């Protein structure tokens, strides 16, 4: 398979300033490629959610600079591919994997209903989230989410989420 064009490649800690910089860079790149507003909105929304998830939910491995947050945006022939990775405590795998699998099983109407359900439940975490990010990414992109958990050690895993935004509606 032919590898796409890397538009953004980030490796290292994220701050809100860095997230803003990456979002601005993506916006100008997609405008330069003349993508329609629909594609730009989908990529923007998925990128905001994924970068915020890394920022809010990564578990930093003390004393190690390995397994830093990673983000890439790659333009392929028929899609924009967003890939984000970060370290997590293994105890978080179960609930996260369950949420990802549930979201992947739902169609558009099911995702909308699940989103409402989560909002109405009022369960907000200590970090300010209700678990809506992954649901929102799936709703906006209308594609299944790919994910992996790679062992780092007995306590940590390296979580990678791959998000695809199809370009079939690029003239919108």
C-alpha atoms as a PDB file:
ATOM      1  CA  UNK A   1       0.000   0.000   0.000  1.00  0.00           C
ATOM      2  CA  UNK A   2       1.222   3.464  -0.876  1.00  0.00           C
ATOM      3  CA  UNK A   3       2.024   5.569   2.199  1.00  0.00           C
ATOM      4  CA  UNK A   4       0.368   8.974   2.377  1.00  0.00           C
ATOM      5  CA  UNK A   5       1.810  12.426   2.849  1.00  0.00           C
ATOM      6  CA  UNK A   6       2.662  13.288   6.465  1.00  0.00           C
ATOM      7  CA  UNK A   7       1.110  16.678   7.190  1.00  0.00           C
ATOM      8  CA  UNK A   8       1.796  16.796  10.939  1.00  0.00           C
ATOM      9  CA  UNK A   9       4.028  14.640  13.087  1.00  0.00           C
ATOM     10  CA  UNK A  10       4.344  15.486  16.791  1.00  0.00           C
ATOM     11  CA  UNK A  11       6.221  13.562  19.466  1.00  0.00           C
ATOM     12  CA  UNK A  12       6.541  14.807  23.025  1.00  0.00           C
ATOM     13  CA  UNK A  13       4.575  16.419  25.838  1.00  0.00           C
ATOM     14  CA  UNK A  14       1.466  18.392  25.005  1.00  0.00           C
ATOM     15  CA  UNK A  15       0.338  21.714  26.454  1.00  0.00           C
ATOM     16  CA  UNK A  16      -2.721  23.742  25.527  1.00  0.00           C
ATOM     17  CA  UNK A  17      -0.408  26.083  23.616  1.00  0.00           C
ATOM     18  CA  UNK A  18       1.028  23.151  21.641  1.00  0.00           C
ATOM     19  CA  UNK A  19      -2.476  21.824  20.933  1.00  0.00           C
ATOM     20  CA  UNK A  20      -3.473  25.277  19.633  1.00  0.00           C
ATOM     21  CA  UNK A  21      -0.374  25.398  17.428  1.00  0.00           C
ATOM     22  CA  UNK A  22      -1.100  21.926  15.975  1.00  0.00           C
ATOM     23  CA  UNK A  23      -4.750  22.824  15.310  1.00  0.00           C
ATOM     24  CA  UNK A  24      -3.776  26.063  13.551  1.00  0.00           C
ATOM     25  CA  UNK A  25      -1.216  24.203  11.464  1.00  0.00           C
ATOM     26  CA  UNK A  26      -3.800  21.585  10.465  1.00  0.00           C
ATOM     27  CA  UNK A  27      -6.353  24.254   9.567  1.00  0.00           C
ATOM     28  CA  UNK A  28      -3.969  26.095   7.244  1.00  0.00           C
ATOM     29  CA  UNK A  29      -2.763  22.838   5.650  1.00  0.00           C
ATOM     30  CA  UNK A  30      -6.288  21.623   4.892  1.00  0.00           C
ATOM     31  CA  UNK A  31      -7.223  25.045   3.497  1.00  0.00           C
ATOM     32  CA  UNK A  32      -4.128  24.944   1.277  1.00  0.00           C
ATOM     33  CA  UNK A  33      -5.302  21.569  -0.075  1.00  0.00           C
ATOM     34  CA  UNK A  34      -8.726  23.108  -0.777  1.00  0.00           C
ATOM     35  CA  UNK A  35     -10.713  20.682   1.334  1.00  0.00           C
ATOM     36  CA  UNK A  36     -14.345  21.602   1.809  1.00  0.00           C
ATOM     37  CA  UNK A  37     -15.733  22.841   5.102  1.00  0.00           C
ATOM     38  CA  UNK A  38     -17.255  19.449   5.981  1.00  0.00           C
ATOM     39  CA  UNK A  39     -13.918  17.632   5.803  1.00  0.00           C
ATOM     40  CA  UNK A  40     -12.110  20.437   7.647  1.00  0.00           C
ATOM     41  CA  UNK A  41     -14.724  20.374  10.450  1.00  0.00           C
ATOM     42  CA  UNK A  42     -14.522  16.584  10.788  1.00  0.00           C
ATOM     43  CA  UNK A  43     -10.723  16.578  10.959  1.00  0.00           C
ATOM     44  CA  UNK A  44     -10.704  19.551  13.349  1.00  0.00           C
ATOM     45  CA  UNK A  45     -13.231  17.964  15.694  1.00  0.00           C
ATOM     46  CA  UNK A  46     -11.477  14.566  15.722  1.00  0.00           C
ATOM     47  CA  UNK A  47      -8.117  16.253  16.272  1.00  0.00           C
ATOM     48  CA  UNK A  48      -9.369  18.413  19.164  1.00  0.00           C
ATOM     49  CA  UNK A  49     -10.885  15.393  20.902  1.00  0.00           C
ATOM     50  CA  UNK A  50      -7.851  13.155  20.396  1.00  0.00           C
ATOM     51  CA  UNK A  51      -5.312  15.782  21.509  1.00  0.00           C
ATOM     52  CA  UNK A  52      -7.413  16.668  24.560  1.00  0.00           C
ATOM     53  CA  UNK A  53      -7.693  12.968  25.425  1.00  0.00           C
ATOM     54  CA  UNK A  54      -3.913  12.667  25.341  1.00  0.00           C
ATOM     55  CA  UNK A  55      -3.487  15.848  27.390  1.00  0.00           C
ATOM     56  CA  UNK A  56      -6.059  14.931  30.036  1.00  0.00           C
ATOM     57  CA  UNK A  57      -5.737  11.160  30.302  1.00  0.00           C
ATOM     58  CA  UNK A  58      -2.143  10.112  29.717  1.00  0.00           C
ATOM     59  CA  UNK A  59      -0.269   8.583  32.620  1.00  0.00           C
ATOM     60  CA  UNK A  60       3.290   9.879  32.621  1.00  0.00           C
ATOM     61  CA  UNK A  61       5.899   7.242  33.380  1.00  0.00           C
ATOM     62  CA  UNK A  62       8.148   8.859  35.972  1.00  0.00           C
ATOM     63  CA  UNK A  63      11.856   8.746  35.187  1.00  0.00           C
ATOM     64  CA  UNK A  64      11.325   7.824  31.532  1.00  0.00           C
ATOM     65  CA  UNK A  65      11.258   9.927  28.386  1.00  0.00           C
ATOM     66  CA  UNK A  66      10.208   6.928  26.335  1.00  0.00           C
ATOM     67  CA  UNK A  67       6.551   6.517  25.368  1.00  0.00           C
ATOM     68  CA  UNK A  68       5.831  10.227  25.080  1.00  0.00           C
ATOM     69  CA  UNK A  69       2.553  11.333  23.484  1.00  0.00           C
ATOM     70  CA  UNK A  70       2.571  10.994  19.721  1.00  0.00           C
ATOM     71  CA  UNK A  71       0.269  12.485  17.107  1.00  0.00           C
ATOM     72  CA  UNK A  72       0.302  12.311  13.316  1.00  0.00           C
ATOM     73  CA  UNK A  73      -1.940  13.572  10.563  1.00  0.00           C
ATOM     74  CA  UNK A  74      -1.455  11.827   7.236  1.00  0.00           C
ATOM     75  CA  UNK A  75      -3.173  12.618   3.959  1.00  0.00           C
ATOM     76  CA  UNK A  76      -3.895   9.508   1.943  1.00  0.00           C
ATOM     77  CA  UNK A  77      -5.625   9.094  -1.395  1.00  0.00           C
ATOM     78  CA  UNK A  78      -9.118   8.559   0.028  1.00  0.00           C
ATOM     79  CA  UNK A  79      -8.849   9.665   3.667  1.00  0.00           C
ATOM     80  CA  UNK A  80      -7.143  11.740   6.315  1.00  0.00           C
ATOM     81  CA  UNK A  81      -5.596   9.466   8.933  1.00  0.00           C
ATOM     82  CA  UNK A  82      -5.144  10.755  12.488  1.00  0.00           C
ATOM     83  CA  UNK A  83      -3.099   8.601  14.838  1.00  0.00           C
ATOM     84  CA  UNK A  84      -2.510   9.437  18.474  1.00  0.00           C
ATOM     85  CA  UNK A  85      -0.680   7.498  21.173  1.00  0.00           C
ATOM     86  CA  UNK A  86       0.042   7.906  24.856  1.00  0.00           C
ATOM     87  CA  UNK A  87       1.027   5.901  27.908  1.00  0.00           C
ATOM     88  CA  UNK A  88      -1.698   4.629  30.243  1.00  0.00           C
ATOM     89  CA  UNK A  89      -1.914   2.630  33.414  1.00  0.00           C
ATOM     90  CA  UNK A  90      -3.002  -0.906  32.548  1.00  0.00           C
ATOM     91  CA  UNK A  91      -5.918  -0.689  35.002  1.00  0.00           C
ATOM     92  CA  UNK A  92      -7.545   1.764  32.564  1.00  0.00           C
ATOM     93  CA  UNK A  93      -7.512  -0.674  29.619  1.00  0.00           C
ATOM     94  CA  UNK A  94     -10.756  -2.484  30.532  1.00  0.00           C
ATOM     95  CA  UNK A  95     -13.126   0.499  30.664  1.00  0.00           C
ATOM     96  CA  UNK A  96     -11.459   2.206  27.681  1.00  0.00           C
ATOM     97  CA  UNK A  97     -11.533  -0.920  25.520  1.00  0.00           C
ATOM     98  CA  UNK A  98     -15.161  -1.510  26.499  1.00  0.00           C
ATOM     99  CA  UNK A  99     -16.091   2.048  25.465  1.00  0.00           C
ATOM    100  CA  UNK A 100     -14.209   1.763  22.145  1.00  0.00           C
ATOM    101  CA  UNK A 101     -15.796  -1.587  21.314  1.00  0.00           C
ATOM    102  CA  UNK A 102     -19.281  -0.316  22.181  1.00  0.00           C
ATOM    103  CA  UNK A 103     -18.822   2.782  20.018  1.00  0.00           C
ATOM    104  CA  UNK A 104     -17.592   0.629  17.103  1.00  0.00           C
ATOM    105  CA  UNK A 105     -20.732  -1.528  17.303  1.00  0.00           C
ATOM    106  CA  UNK A 106     -23.124   1.407  17.001  1.00  0.00           C
ATOM    107  CA  UNK A 107     -24.478   3.005  13.850  1.00  0.00           C
ATOM    108  CA  UNK A 108     -25.082   6.754  13.465  1.00  0.00           C
ATOM    109  CA  UNK A 109     -28.439   6.677  15.304  1.00  0.00           C
ATOM    110  CA  UNK A 110     -26.997   4.461  18.037  1.00  0.00           C
ATOM    111  CA  UNK A 111     -24.073   6.830  18.576  1.00  0.00           C
ATOM    112  CA  UNK A 112     -26.457   9.782  18.858  1.00  0.00           C
ATOM    113  CA  UNK A 113     -28.526   7.913  21.437  1.00  0.00           C
ATOM    114  CA  UNK A 114     -25.439   6.777  23.394  1.00  0.00           C
ATOM    115  CA  UNK A 115     -24.141  10.377  23.409  1.00  0.00           C
ATOM    116  CA  UNK A 116     -27.455  11.593  24.905  1.00  0.00           C
ATOM    117  CA  UNK A 117     -27.417   8.751  27.429  1.00  0.00           C
ATOM    118  CA  UNK A 118     -23.920   9.667  28.641  1.00  0.00           C
ATOM    119  CA  UNK A 119     -24.756  13.383  28.902  1.00  0.00           C
ATOM    120  CA  UNK A 120     -27.935  12.706  30.858  1.00  0.00           C
ATOM    121  CA  UNK A 121     -26.175  10.303  33.238  1.00  0.00           C
ATOM    122  CA  UNK A 122     -24.218  13.239  34.676  1.00  0.00           C
ATOM    123  CA  UNK A 123     -21.141  11.095  35.369  1.00  0.00           C
ATOM    124  CA  UNK A 124     -18.271  13.556  35.084  1.00  0.00           C
ATOM    125  CA  UNK A 125     -14.780  12.329  35.980  1.00  0.00           C
ATOM    126  CA  UNK A 126     -12.207  14.106  38.147  1.00  0.00           C
ATOM    127  CA  UNK A 127     -10.489  15.249  34.966  1.00  0.00           C
ATOM    128  CA  UNK A 128     -13.654  16.951  33.737  1.00  0.00           C
ATOM    129  CA  UNK A 129     -14.770  14.420  31.140  1.00  0.00           C
ATOM    130  CA  UNK A 130     -17.884  12.341  30.822  1.00  0.00           C
ATOM    131  CA  UNK A 131     -16.378   9.967  28.284  1.00  0.00           C
ATOM    132  CA  UNK A 132     -17.884  11.849  25.366  1.00  0.00           C
ATOM    133  CA  UNK A 133     -14.657  12.319  23.381  1.00  0.00           C
ATOM    134  CA  UNK A 134     -14.546   8.862  21.834  1.00  0.00           C
ATOM    135  CA  UNK A 135     -18.275   8.918  21.108  1.00  0.00           C
ATOM    136  CA  UNK A 136     -17.911  12.326  19.475  1.00  0.00           C
ATOM    137  CA  UNK A 137     -14.974  11.180  17.316  1.00  0.00           C
ATOM    138  CA  UNK A 138     -16.989   8.193  16.062  1.00  0.00           C
ATOM    139  CA  UNK A 139     -20.080  10.373  15.450  1.00  0.00           C
ATOM    140  CA  UNK A 140     -18.185  13.013  13.509  1.00  0.00           C
ATOM    141  CA  UNK A 141     -15.951  10.754  11.411  1.00  0.00           C
ATOM    142  CA  UNK A 142     -18.621   8.115  10.749  1.00  0.00           C
ATOM    143  CA  UNK A 143     -15.879   5.459  10.700  1.00  0.00           C
ATOM    144  CA  UNK A 144     -14.858   2.678  13.052  1.00  0.00           C
ATOM    145  CA  UNK A 145     -12.011   3.497  15.421  1.00  0.00           C
ATOM    146  CA  UNK A 146      -8.904   1.322  15.363  1.00  0.00           C
ATOM    147  CA  UNK A 147      -6.936   0.894  18.573  1.00  0.00           C
ATOM    148  CA  UNK A 148      -4.127  -1.059  20.160  1.00  0.00           C
ATOM    149  CA  UNK A 149      -2.655  -1.479  23.624  1.00  0.00           C
ATOM    150  CA  UNK A 150       1.050  -2.372  23.616  1.00  0.00           C
ATOM    151  CA  UNK A 151       2.684  -3.490  26.853  1.00  0.00           C
ATOM    152  CA  UNK A 152       5.383  -1.229  28.229  1.00  0.00           C
ATOM    153  CA  UNK A 153       5.876  -3.014  31.558  1.00  0.00           C
ATOM    154  CA  UNK A 154       3.741  -4.618  34.273  1.00  0.00           C
ATOM    155  CA  UNK A 155       2.064  -1.312  35.105  1.00  0.00           C
ATOM    156  CA  UNK A 156       1.832   0.634  31.837  1.00  0.00           C
ATOM    157  CA  UNK A 157       0.588   0.232  28.285  1.00  0.00           C
ATOM    158  CA  UNK A 158       1.039   2.392  25.183  1.00  0.00           C
ATOM    159  CA  UNK A 159      -2.397   3.158  23.776  1.00  0.00           C
ATOM    160  CA  UNK A 160      -2.762   4.042  20.090  1.00  0.00           C
ATOM    161  CA  UNK A 161      -5.967   5.286  18.481  1.00  0.00           C
ATOM    162  CA  UNK A 162      -6.295   5.542  14.710  1.00  0.00           C
ATOM    163  CA  UNK A 163      -9.057   7.734  13.316  1.00  0.00           C
ATOM    164  CA  UNK A 164     -10.039   7.913   9.654  1.00  0.00           C
ATOM    165  CA  UNK A 165     -11.885  10.763   7.972  1.00  0.00           C
ATOM    166  CA  UNK A 166     -13.073   9.703   4.525  1.00  0.00           C
ATOM    167  CA  UNK A 167     -12.607  12.206   1.712  1.00  0.00           C
ATOM    168  CA  UNK A 168     -15.569  11.130  -0.398  1.00  0.00           C
ATOM    169  CA  UNK A 169     -17.423  14.367   0.544  1.00  0.00           C
ATOM    170  CA  UNK A 170     -14.434  16.638   0.081  1.00  0.00           C
ATOM    171  CA  UNK A 171     -16.306  19.172  -2.074  1.00  0.00           C
ATOM    172  CA  UNK A 172     -18.832  20.004   0.647  1.00  0.00           C
END
